[in-house]
Protein backbone atom coordinates (compact mmCIF):
# COMPACT_ATOMS: atom_id res chain seq x y z
CA MET A 1 37.85 19.07 14.71
CA VAL A 2 37.58 22.77 12.81
CA ALA A 3 36.45 22.62 9.14
CA GLN A 4 37.15 25.30 6.48
CA ARG A 5 34.01 26.76 4.57
CA MET A 6 34.22 28.73 1.76
CA SER A 7 33.14 32.55 1.75
CA THR A 8 33.72 35.41 -0.55
CA SER A 9 35.68 38.78 0.30
CA PRO A 10 34.21 42.03 -1.21
CA ASP A 11 36.54 41.94 -3.91
CA GLY A 12 35.25 38.72 -4.93
CA GLU A 13 37.88 36.72 -4.26
CA PRO A 14 37.21 33.39 -2.33
CA ARG A 15 38.48 33.38 1.38
CA SER A 16 37.74 30.71 3.75
CA ALA A 17 36.28 30.73 7.64
CA ALA A 18 36.94 28.26 10.52
CA ILE A 19 33.96 26.79 11.42
CA GLU A 20 33.06 24.08 13.99
CA SER A 21 32.32 20.90 12.45
CA VAL A 22 28.95 19.70 12.74
CA ALA A 23 27.85 16.36 13.81
CA LEU A 24 25.11 14.22 12.43
CA PRO A 25 22.26 13.90 13.64
CA ALA A 26 20.11 10.65 15.20
CA LEU A 27 18.19 8.85 13.33
CA ARG A 28 15.27 7.21 13.49
CA SER A 29 15.45 3.69 15.55
CA PRO A 30 14.33 0.57 13.76
CA ALA A 31 11.76 -0.13 16.37
CA SER A 32 10.21 3.42 16.12
CA ILE A 33 10.04 2.30 12.18
CA HIS A 34 8.72 -1.04 11.90
CA TRP A 35 6.24 -0.74 15.16
CA ARG A 36 3.35 -1.04 12.86
CA TRP A 37 4.48 -4.68 12.04
CA MET A 38 5.67 -5.35 15.32
CA VAL A 39 2.47 -4.57 16.82
CA GLY A 40 0.56 -6.55 14.42
CA SER A 41 2.72 -9.47 14.93
CA ALA A 42 2.42 -9.47 18.60
CA LEU A 43 -1.13 -8.74 18.48
CA VAL A 44 -1.33 -11.85 16.22
CA ALA A 45 0.70 -14.57 18.66
CA ALA A 46 -1.33 -12.93 21.64
CA LEU A 47 -4.63 -14.00 19.52
CA LEU A 48 -3.30 -17.12 18.71
CA ILE A 49 -2.03 -18.21 22.76
CA PHE A 50 -5.81 -16.64 23.69
CA GLY A 51 -7.41 -19.21 21.25
CA ILE A 52 -5.28 -22.40 22.22
CA TYR A 53 -6.15 -21.45 25.79
CA GLY A 54 -9.63 -20.99 24.75
CA SER A 55 -10.07 -24.05 22.59
CA ARG A 56 -7.57 -26.66 24.31
CA ALA A 57 -6.53 -25.33 27.56
CA ALA A 58 -9.55 -23.25 29.29
CA ARG A 59 -12.06 -25.59 31.76
CA PHE A 60 -15.44 -24.38 32.54
CA THR A 61 -17.07 -25.96 35.55
CA ALA A 62 -21.03 -26.28 35.80
CA THR A 63 -22.35 -27.29 39.11
CA ALA A 64 -25.58 -28.47 40.54
CA GLN A 65 -27.15 -28.98 44.06
CA ILE A 66 -29.60 -31.82 45.14
CA ALA A 67 -30.88 -32.89 48.47
CA PHE A 68 -31.73 -36.21 49.44
CA ASP A 69 -34.45 -36.74 52.06
CA ALA A 70 -33.48 -39.93 53.94
CA GLY A 71 -34.91 -39.50 57.46
CA ASP A 72 -32.38 -40.29 60.03
CA ARG A 73 -29.70 -41.82 57.40
CA ILE A 74 -26.88 -40.42 55.57
CA ILE A 75 -26.14 -41.00 52.47
CA PRO A 76 -22.62 -42.13 51.99
CA VAL A 77 -20.85 -40.32 48.35
CA GLU A 78 -19.89 -43.52 47.46
CA ARG A 79 -23.25 -45.00 47.20
CA LEU A 80 -23.90 -41.56 45.00
CA GLU A 81 -21.06 -42.18 42.51
CA ALA A 82 -21.71 -45.55 41.98
CA PHE A 83 -25.44 -44.78 40.88
CA ILE A 84 -23.96 -42.03 38.37
CA ALA A 85 -21.25 -44.28 37.23
CA ALA A 86 -23.44 -46.85 35.97
CA PRO A 87 -21.90 -47.10 31.77
CA GLU A 88 -25.81 -47.06 30.26
CA ARG A 89 -26.96 -44.08 32.76
CA ILE A 90 -24.44 -41.88 31.43
CA GLY A 91 -25.42 -43.29 28.25
CA ARG A 92 -28.24 -42.44 27.90
CA THR A 93 -27.00 -38.81 28.51
CA VAL A 94 -24.67 -39.39 25.86
CA ASP A 95 -27.40 -40.07 23.68
CA ARG A 96 -29.61 -37.59 24.29
CA LEU A 97 -27.60 -34.71 24.20
CA GLY A 98 -25.96 -36.04 21.07
CA LEU A 99 -22.59 -36.17 22.43
CA VAL A 100 -21.40 -38.42 19.48
CA ALA A 101 -21.75 -37.68 15.72
CA SER A 102 -24.34 -39.24 13.83
CA THR A 103 -21.49 -40.46 11.40
CA GLU A 104 -20.16 -42.20 14.66
CA LYS A 105 -23.26 -43.75 16.39
CA LEU A 106 -22.59 -47.21 14.76
CA ILE A 107 -18.85 -46.94 16.45
CA PRO A 108 -18.94 -48.82 19.96
CA SER A 109 -15.88 -47.35 20.22
CA ALA A 110 -17.07 -43.57 19.36
CA ARG A 111 -19.73 -43.75 22.35
CA GLN A 112 -17.52 -45.52 24.59
CA GLN A 113 -15.26 -42.89 24.64
CA ALA A 114 -17.52 -40.30 25.02
CA ILE A 115 -18.69 -41.99 28.07
CA ASP A 116 -15.66 -42.07 29.70
CA HIS A 117 -15.27 -38.37 28.88
CA VAL A 118 -18.25 -37.53 30.74
CA TRP A 119 -17.54 -39.73 33.63
CA ALA A 120 -13.65 -38.27 33.66
CA GLY A 121 -15.03 -35.03 34.21
CA LEU A 122 -17.75 -35.88 36.95
CA ARG A 123 -17.30 -35.43 40.51
CA VAL A 124 -19.91 -35.27 43.44
CA GLU A 125 -18.95 -33.65 47.06
CA GLN A 126 -21.15 -33.91 49.88
CA THR A 127 -21.27 -30.44 51.70
CA ASP A 128 -21.92 -30.06 55.96
CA LEU A 129 -25.85 -30.33 55.32
CA THR A 130 -24.94 -34.33 55.18
CA ASN A 131 -27.28 -35.40 52.30
CA VAL A 132 -27.17 -32.29 50.14
CA PHE A 133 -24.47 -33.40 47.44
CA LEU A 134 -22.80 -30.70 44.87
CA LEU A 135 -22.66 -32.58 41.34
CA ARG A 136 -19.99 -31.13 39.31
CA PHE A 137 -18.77 -31.64 35.46
CA THR A 138 -15.90 -30.04 33.94
CA ASP A 139 -14.93 -29.82 30.32
CA GLY A 140 -13.49 -27.53 27.76
CA SER A 141 -16.56 -26.62 26.22
CA ARG A 142 -18.76 -23.90 28.21
CA ARG A 143 -21.64 -25.12 26.33
CA LEU A 144 -22.06 -28.87 27.39
CA ALA A 145 -20.99 -28.18 31.01
CA ALA A 146 -24.50 -27.43 31.95
CA PRO A 147 -26.41 -29.08 30.34
CA ILE A 148 -24.80 -32.81 31.39
CA VAL A 149 -24.67 -32.08 34.70
CA ASN A 150 -28.53 -31.28 35.23
CA ASP A 151 -29.29 -33.93 32.49
CA LEU A 152 -27.82 -36.26 35.34
CA ALA A 153 -29.08 -34.64 37.96
CA ASP A 154 -32.87 -35.18 36.63
CA ARG A 155 -32.20 -38.70 36.75
CA ILE A 156 -30.98 -38.68 39.89
CA GLY A 157 -34.35 -36.42 41.24
CA ALA A 158 -36.18 -39.05 39.57
CA ALA A 159 -38.88 -40.84 42.23
CA SER A 160 -37.00 -43.80 43.68
CA ALA A 161 -33.74 -42.95 41.43
CA ILE A 162 -31.61 -44.65 43.97
CA SER A 163 -34.27 -46.02 46.17
CA PRO A 164 -37.93 -46.17 47.22
CA THR A 165 -37.62 -44.57 50.36
CA ILE A 166 -35.34 -42.02 49.61
CA HIS A 167 -36.67 -38.81 47.73
CA ALA A 168 -34.32 -36.70 45.66
CA ARG A 169 -34.90 -33.15 44.73
CA ILE A 170 -32.69 -30.58 42.91
CA VAL A 171 -31.98 -27.56 44.86
CA SER A 172 -30.49 -25.73 41.99
CA SER A 173 -30.03 -26.42 38.94
CA ALA A 174 -26.53 -25.56 36.69
CA THR A 175 -25.96 -22.61 34.66
CA ASP A 176 -23.80 -22.14 32.08
CA PRO A 177 -20.34 -21.29 33.29
CA ILE A 178 -19.29 -17.31 33.19
CA ARG A 179 -16.00 -17.86 32.89
CA PRO A 180 -13.22 -20.54 33.17
CA ASP A 181 -11.77 -21.93 35.66
CA GLY A 182 -8.46 -20.89 37.48
CA SER A 183 -7.09 -17.62 36.92
CA LEU A 184 -6.24 -15.79 33.52
CA LEU A 185 -2.72 -14.84 34.89
CA ALA A 186 -0.88 -18.05 33.01
CA PRO A 187 -2.32 -17.17 29.85
CA VAL A 188 -2.20 -13.78 30.11
CA LEU A 189 1.64 -13.91 30.81
CA MET A 190 2.09 -16.44 27.81
CA ALA A 191 0.24 -14.24 25.82
CA LEU A 192 2.59 -10.94 26.40
CA LEU A 193 6.07 -13.21 26.48
CA SER A 194 4.51 -14.58 22.95
CA GLY A 195 3.59 -11.03 21.45
CA ALA A 196 6.85 -9.31 22.56
CA PHE A 197 8.88 -12.90 21.03
CA ALA A 198 6.90 -12.33 17.76
CA ALA A 199 7.57 -8.41 18.07
CA ALA A 200 11.25 -9.31 18.32
CA VAL A 201 11.07 -11.66 15.37
CA MET A 202 8.95 -9.65 13.18
CA LEU A 203 11.71 -6.70 13.95
CA ALA A 204 14.88 -8.73 13.12
CA LEU A 205 13.32 -10.48 10.31
CA ARG A 206 12.06 -6.86 8.81
CA GLU A 207 16.28 -5.41 9.46
CA TRP A 208 17.58 -8.19 7.99
CA ARG A 209 15.07 -7.51 4.68
CA GLN A 210 16.34 -3.97 4.71
CA GLU A 211 19.04 -3.87 1.71
CA GLY A 212 20.05 -0.07 1.81
CA PRO A 213 22.24 1.83 4.26
CA ARG A 214 20.44 1.73 7.66
CA SER A 215 23.52 4.15 9.56
CA PRO A 216 26.36 6.55 8.89
CA ALA A 217 29.05 3.76 10.66
CA THR A 218 27.38 0.96 9.39
CA VAL A 219 27.50 1.87 5.68
CA GLU A 220 31.14 3.52 6.34
CA ARG A 221 32.12 -0.01 7.17
CA GLN A 222 30.49 -1.59 4.41
CA LEU A 223 31.88 0.82 1.35
CA GLY A 224 34.61 2.58 2.74
CA LEU A 225 32.84 5.95 2.19
CA LYS A 226 32.75 8.87 4.82
CA VAL A 227 28.96 10.03 5.01
CA ILE A 228 29.21 13.40 5.20
CA GLY A 229 25.74 14.47 5.54
CA MET A 230 21.63 13.22 5.82
CA ILE A 231 19.20 14.54 3.86
CA PRO A 232 15.81 14.56 5.45
CA VAL A 233 12.47 13.54 4.35
CA VAL A 234 10.34 16.27 4.92
CA PRO A 235 6.67 15.09 5.51
CA PHE A 236 4.23 17.91 4.50
CA ILE A 237 5.48 17.79 1.29
CA PRO A 238 4.38 14.52 -0.97
CA ALA A 239 6.89 12.25 -2.31
CA GLY A 240 8.16 13.48 -5.82
CA GLU A 241 6.85 17.21 -5.43
CA ARG A 242 10.61 18.36 -6.39
CA ALA A 243 9.62 21.83 -7.14
CA ALA A 244 8.09 22.13 -3.80
CA LEU A 245 11.44 20.65 -1.98
CA ILE A 246 13.70 23.45 -3.92
CA GLU A 247 11.78 25.64 -2.61
CA LEU A 248 13.09 25.33 0.99
CA PRO A 249 15.79 26.63 1.09
CA ILE A 250 14.23 29.99 0.34
CA THR A 251 10.90 29.45 1.93
CA ALA A 252 11.60 27.78 5.21
CA PRO A 253 15.38 28.46 6.03
CA GLN A 254 14.82 26.89 9.67
CA SER A 255 13.33 23.66 8.59
CA ASP A 256 15.44 20.33 8.77
CA TYR A 257 15.99 19.89 5.01
CA ALA A 258 17.28 23.45 4.61
CA ARG A 259 19.47 22.86 8.02
CA ALA A 260 20.80 19.47 6.23
CA PHE A 261 22.27 21.34 3.02
CA ARG A 262 23.56 24.57 5.36
CA GLN A 263 25.41 21.46 7.96
CA LEU A 264 26.70 19.72 4.33
CA LEU A 265 28.74 22.79 3.19
CA ALA A 266 30.21 22.87 6.58
CA SER A 267 31.09 19.20 7.09
CA ASP A 268 34.68 18.82 7.23
CA ARG A 269 34.98 17.63 3.62
CA ARG A 270 35.09 21.23 1.94
CA ILE A 271 32.51 21.46 -0.41
CA SER A 272 34.20 23.53 -3.51
CA GLY A 273 35.78 23.23 -6.69
CA THR A 274 33.71 21.06 -9.45
CA ILE A 275 31.37 18.42 -7.63
CA ALA A 276 29.39 15.91 -9.34
CA ILE A 277 26.12 14.37 -7.65
CA CYS A 278 25.91 10.93 -8.65
CA SER A 279 24.06 8.03 -7.49
CA ALA A 280 23.87 4.23 -8.35
CA LEU A 281 20.30 3.88 -9.59
CA ALA A 282 17.49 6.66 -10.27
CA GLY A 283 15.07 7.83 -8.14
CA GLU A 284 17.49 8.64 -4.69
CA GLY A 285 16.94 12.12 -4.94
CA LYS A 286 20.37 13.21 -6.87
CA SER A 287 18.48 15.83 -8.99
CA THR A 288 16.38 17.11 -5.74
CA PHE A 289 19.63 17.65 -3.97
CA GLY A 290 21.80 18.86 -6.45
CA ILE A 291 19.66 21.88 -6.80
CA SER A 292 18.82 22.30 -3.17
CA LEU A 293 22.70 22.27 -2.51
CA ALA A 294 23.25 24.69 -5.34
CA ARG A 295 20.70 27.38 -4.36
CA THR A 296 21.82 26.87 -0.28
CA ALA A 297 25.58 27.81 -1.61
CA ALA A 298 24.21 30.19 -3.59
CA LEU A 299 22.15 31.71 -0.41
CA GLU A 300 25.46 31.81 1.51
CA GLY A 301 26.90 34.10 -0.96
CA HIS A 302 29.58 31.74 -2.90
CA ARG A 303 29.21 31.99 -7.11
CA VAL A 304 27.62 28.65 -7.96
CA ALA A 305 26.91 27.34 -11.12
CA LEU A 306 24.39 24.16 -11.88
CA VAL A 307 24.90 21.96 -15.08
CA ASP A 308 22.85 19.42 -16.36
CA CYS A 309 24.69 16.77 -17.67
CA ASP A 310 22.04 14.20 -17.45
CA GLY A 311 20.55 14.20 -21.34
CA ARG A 312 18.27 11.27 -21.49
CA VAL A 313 16.06 12.77 -18.53
CA ARG A 314 17.03 16.37 -18.01
CA THR A 315 14.97 16.25 -14.29
CA ALA A 316 17.21 19.36 -13.28
CA SER A 317 16.45 21.53 -16.24
CA LYS A 318 12.77 20.31 -16.17
CA THR A 319 12.55 20.84 -12.49
CA LEU A 320 13.87 24.59 -13.30
CA GLY A 321 11.38 25.07 -16.09
CA LEU A 322 14.42 25.25 -18.91
CA ALA A 323 14.10 22.41 -20.53
CA GLY A 324 13.33 24.20 -23.87
CA ARG A 325 15.67 26.78 -24.13
CA GLN A 326 19.65 26.67 -25.43
CA GLY A 327 22.11 24.91 -22.85
CA LEU A 328 24.75 22.57 -22.60
CA ILE A 329 24.69 20.95 -26.04
CA GLN A 330 24.47 24.00 -27.98
CA VAL A 331 27.75 25.54 -26.08
CA MET A 332 29.31 22.34 -26.43
CA ASP A 333 28.83 22.95 -30.18
CA GLY A 334 29.43 26.13 -30.05
CA LEU A 335 26.33 27.47 -31.56
CA THR A 336 25.53 29.46 -28.16
CA PRO A 337 28.07 31.42 -25.82
CA LEU A 338 28.31 30.47 -22.32
CA ASP A 339 27.23 33.39 -20.87
CA ASP A 340 23.77 33.33 -23.09
CA ALA A 341 23.07 29.85 -22.25
CA LEU A 342 23.11 30.39 -18.50
CA ALA A 343 19.89 31.23 -17.09
CA THR A 344 19.93 32.54 -13.43
CA ASP A 345 17.85 31.94 -10.33
CA THR A 346 15.07 34.30 -9.45
CA HIS A 347 15.57 33.23 -5.69
CA SER A 348 19.75 33.58 -5.65
CA SER A 349 22.52 34.30 -7.75
CA LEU A 350 22.95 30.43 -8.74
CA LYS A 351 23.31 30.21 -12.37
CA ILE A 352 21.59 27.46 -14.14
CA LEU A 353 23.39 25.51 -17.17
CA ALA A 354 20.60 23.46 -18.66
CA HIS A 355 20.02 20.73 -21.21
CA SER A 356 17.88 21.40 -23.69
CA ALA A 357 15.27 19.27 -24.46
CA ASP A 358 15.37 19.78 -28.39
CA ALA A 359 19.53 18.54 -28.25
CA ASP A 360 20.41 15.30 -29.57
CA VAL A 361 21.04 12.79 -26.99
CA ARG A 362 25.32 13.26 -26.65
CA ASN A 363 27.41 10.67 -25.94
CA PHE A 364 30.03 11.65 -23.57
CA TRP A 365 32.32 8.94 -23.41
CA SER A 366 33.32 9.82 -26.61
CA LYS A 367 36.67 11.60 -26.68
CA ASP A 368 35.50 14.70 -28.87
CA ALA A 369 32.45 14.94 -26.49
CA MET A 370 34.63 14.86 -23.49
CA GLY A 371 36.95 17.00 -24.33
CA GLN A 372 34.21 19.59 -25.05
CA LEU A 373 32.67 19.06 -21.75
CA ARG A 374 36.00 20.00 -20.03
CA ASP A 375 36.46 23.13 -21.98
CA VAL A 376 32.85 24.00 -20.80
CA ILE A 377 33.72 23.30 -17.00
CA ALA A 378 37.01 24.71 -17.18
CA ALA A 379 35.22 27.77 -18.68
CA LEU A 380 32.80 28.08 -15.62
CA ARG A 381 35.19 26.98 -12.57
CA GLY A 382 37.55 30.31 -13.74
CA THR A 383 34.27 32.23 -12.52
CA TYR A 384 32.58 30.76 -9.87
CA ASP A 385 33.62 28.97 -6.81
CA LEU A 386 31.63 26.30 -6.86
CA VAL A 387 30.13 23.99 -10.39
CA ILE A 388 27.99 21.43 -9.35
CA LEU A 389 27.39 18.74 -12.18
CA ASP A 390 24.03 16.64 -12.15
CA THR A 391 24.86 13.23 -13.67
CA PRO A 392 23.12 10.50 -14.77
CA PRO A 393 23.04 7.11 -12.61
CA LEU A 394 26.41 5.35 -12.45
CA LEU A 395 24.76 2.25 -12.76
CA ALA A 396 22.49 2.49 -15.90
CA LEU A 397 24.25 4.68 -18.27
CA VAL A 398 28.31 4.21 -19.18
CA GLU A 399 28.92 8.36 -19.59
CA ALA A 400 28.05 8.89 -15.98
CA ARG A 401 31.49 8.28 -14.79
CA GLU A 402 32.89 9.75 -17.56
CA ILE A 403 31.20 12.88 -16.21
CA ALA A 404 32.14 12.45 -12.64
CA GLY A 405 35.64 11.87 -13.63
CA LEU A 406 35.68 15.49 -14.89
CA ALA A 407 34.96 16.69 -11.43
CA ASP A 408 37.12 17.60 -8.07
CA GLU A 409 35.02 15.42 -5.99
CA ALA A 410 31.80 13.12 -6.66
CA LEU A 411 28.95 12.77 -3.50
CA LEU A 412 26.84 9.64 -3.79
CA ILE A 413 23.93 9.92 -3.22
CA GLY A 414 22.13 6.68 -1.82
CA ARG A 415 18.37 6.25 -0.60
CA TRP A 416 18.32 5.49 3.33
CA ARG A 417 17.39 1.84 3.92
CA ALA A 418 16.29 1.67 0.25
CA THR A 419 19.09 1.18 -1.82
CA PRO A 420 21.34 -1.61 -2.34
CA ILE A 421 24.58 -2.19 -0.47
CA PRO A 422 25.57 -4.13 -3.59
CA ALA A 423 24.67 -1.22 -5.84
CA LEU A 424 26.34 1.42 -4.07
CA ARG A 425 29.35 -0.79 -3.74
CA LEU A 426 29.54 -0.87 -7.27
CA ALA A 427 29.00 2.64 -8.04
CA ALA A 428 31.70 3.57 -5.12
CA ARG A 429 34.20 1.51 -7.23
CA ARG A 430 33.52 2.90 -10.38
CA LEU A 431 34.62 6.38 -9.38
CA ALA A 432 37.35 5.36 -7.96
CA ASP A 433 38.17 3.59 -11.18
CA LYS A 434 38.16 7.09 -12.38
CA SER A 435 40.02 8.42 -9.29
CA VAL A 436 38.02 10.99 -8.10
CA ARG A 437 37.66 11.39 -4.42
CA SER A 438 33.72 10.00 -3.15
CA SER A 439 31.30 10.61 -0.15
CA LEU A 440 28.14 9.52 0.36
CA VAL A 441 25.28 11.51 1.33
CA LEU A 442 22.10 9.73 2.96
CA SER A 443 18.48 10.99 1.51
CA PHE A 444 15.18 10.15 2.40
CA VAL A 445 16.49 10.00 6.11
CA THR A 446 14.01 10.28 9.04
CA PHE A 447 15.56 11.76 12.32
CA ALA A 448 15.19 10.62 16.01
CA ARG A 449 13.25 14.10 16.73
CA SER A 450 12.60 17.20 14.83
CA GLU A 451 15.28 20.17 15.67
CA ALA A 452 13.14 22.84 13.92
CA PRO A 453 11.19 24.76 16.15
CA ALA A 454 7.94 24.02 17.35
CA GLY A 455 4.81 24.03 14.90
CA ARG A 456 4.82 23.79 11.25
CA SER A 457 8.66 24.70 9.91
CA VAL A 458 7.30 24.11 6.43
CA PRO A 459 5.27 26.11 4.97
CA ALA A 460 2.62 25.08 2.55
CA LEU A 461 3.79 25.88 -1.02
CA ARG A 462 1.26 27.11 -3.22
CA ALA A 463 1.28 26.43 -7.24
CA THR A 464 2.44 28.93 -9.34
CA SER A 465 2.76 29.87 -12.52
CA ARG A 466 6.40 32.15 -12.26
CA PRO A 467 9.34 30.38 -13.97
CA ALA A 468 11.67 28.88 -11.43
CA VAL A 469 14.32 31.09 -13.00
CA ALA A 470 14.65 34.28 -15.06
CA THR A 471 17.06 34.65 -18.06
CA SER A 472 20.52 36.60 -17.73
């Protein structure tokens, strides 16, 4: 596709040059945006699985070795099992180790459950040394396994415990188990799977809660507006530093921020005539966008005028240091000639018609006011290639749509992943009611990768008391 971009001939007449349309860069993926939440939820899920495994599923085994001196006789393992299985013998171990809570000692069923639990975890194994036995106890509690085995082994090892002619000794006492029985592969796999599932669920929930436009293709389907530009976040400049951002087209022309405006001027929607810079809500970066676009166009050789039409906030005028001079209202009232009210940017040929701070707030939807504003815009259009109108938020003030209706085209600024789609849809409908051709520009966008040269592409900006513009 080939697009037309304005240029100026030596005699001052506008002309067009054919350039190739610039493709929009890839956006940062949802996973890279929400990765902290995803990692956090995955860790919580994995720790939860390990916690359940440690408290419910993990089994610990302690082993004591006992040898019997029975002469030539071989003691059958069943005899030792029968000796240990005596309820009164296990009951004494239960009482000695306090396996029944003090509040439950008077409840017979509670003590019997403890005895049954101990017996269920006991195993007696006869080794190849015939009268050497292994007494094992397996339990979910790591701290109880060894004490239970050792208490029972001590009773077996007591003199004449089994028979007066059979003597027993403890070869090795049980020690606290170091690790659970079996392989940890199963809980590790379960933790990994649960962590992956939790991360996927968190990603889906975070994306579901995102109200703003996610991608050009998606928002074009939702609103029916073409996305012609995306303005990136500048990581080296704090949020709200408008003065620093509007310097970037001059101080850092190779930054992603500055390139985004040059690409916008080179898009297949020709940026010319009178352009209204609009937003559905406040805080979308509308005024900063308007100033940066105007400066970029002026630096490329176009004759550009910027008009601050937002009389209540006057963001553009304040950012450029012009809030106290004669401006739009005085020109509309015939108190100040247009040429005298225009200020010249010190960095470019851009002309700015500010909104004086001491002027009364004008209701632009009145017939007389709209006629006066139309005359001012017509006078500027006869001199400049591009006239940019910084308007109030469309959903905040009624006059915003009236001002936008005087433009040839409106650029609706929507904050990436932030501005609610219903608000953008309503703003687009209000522009359509005024028969204004509209396009959408996404602000505060994070690209998948920086296209700037390696290193710090945005230089540190020093505070300066020098005014941003000089009067003409």
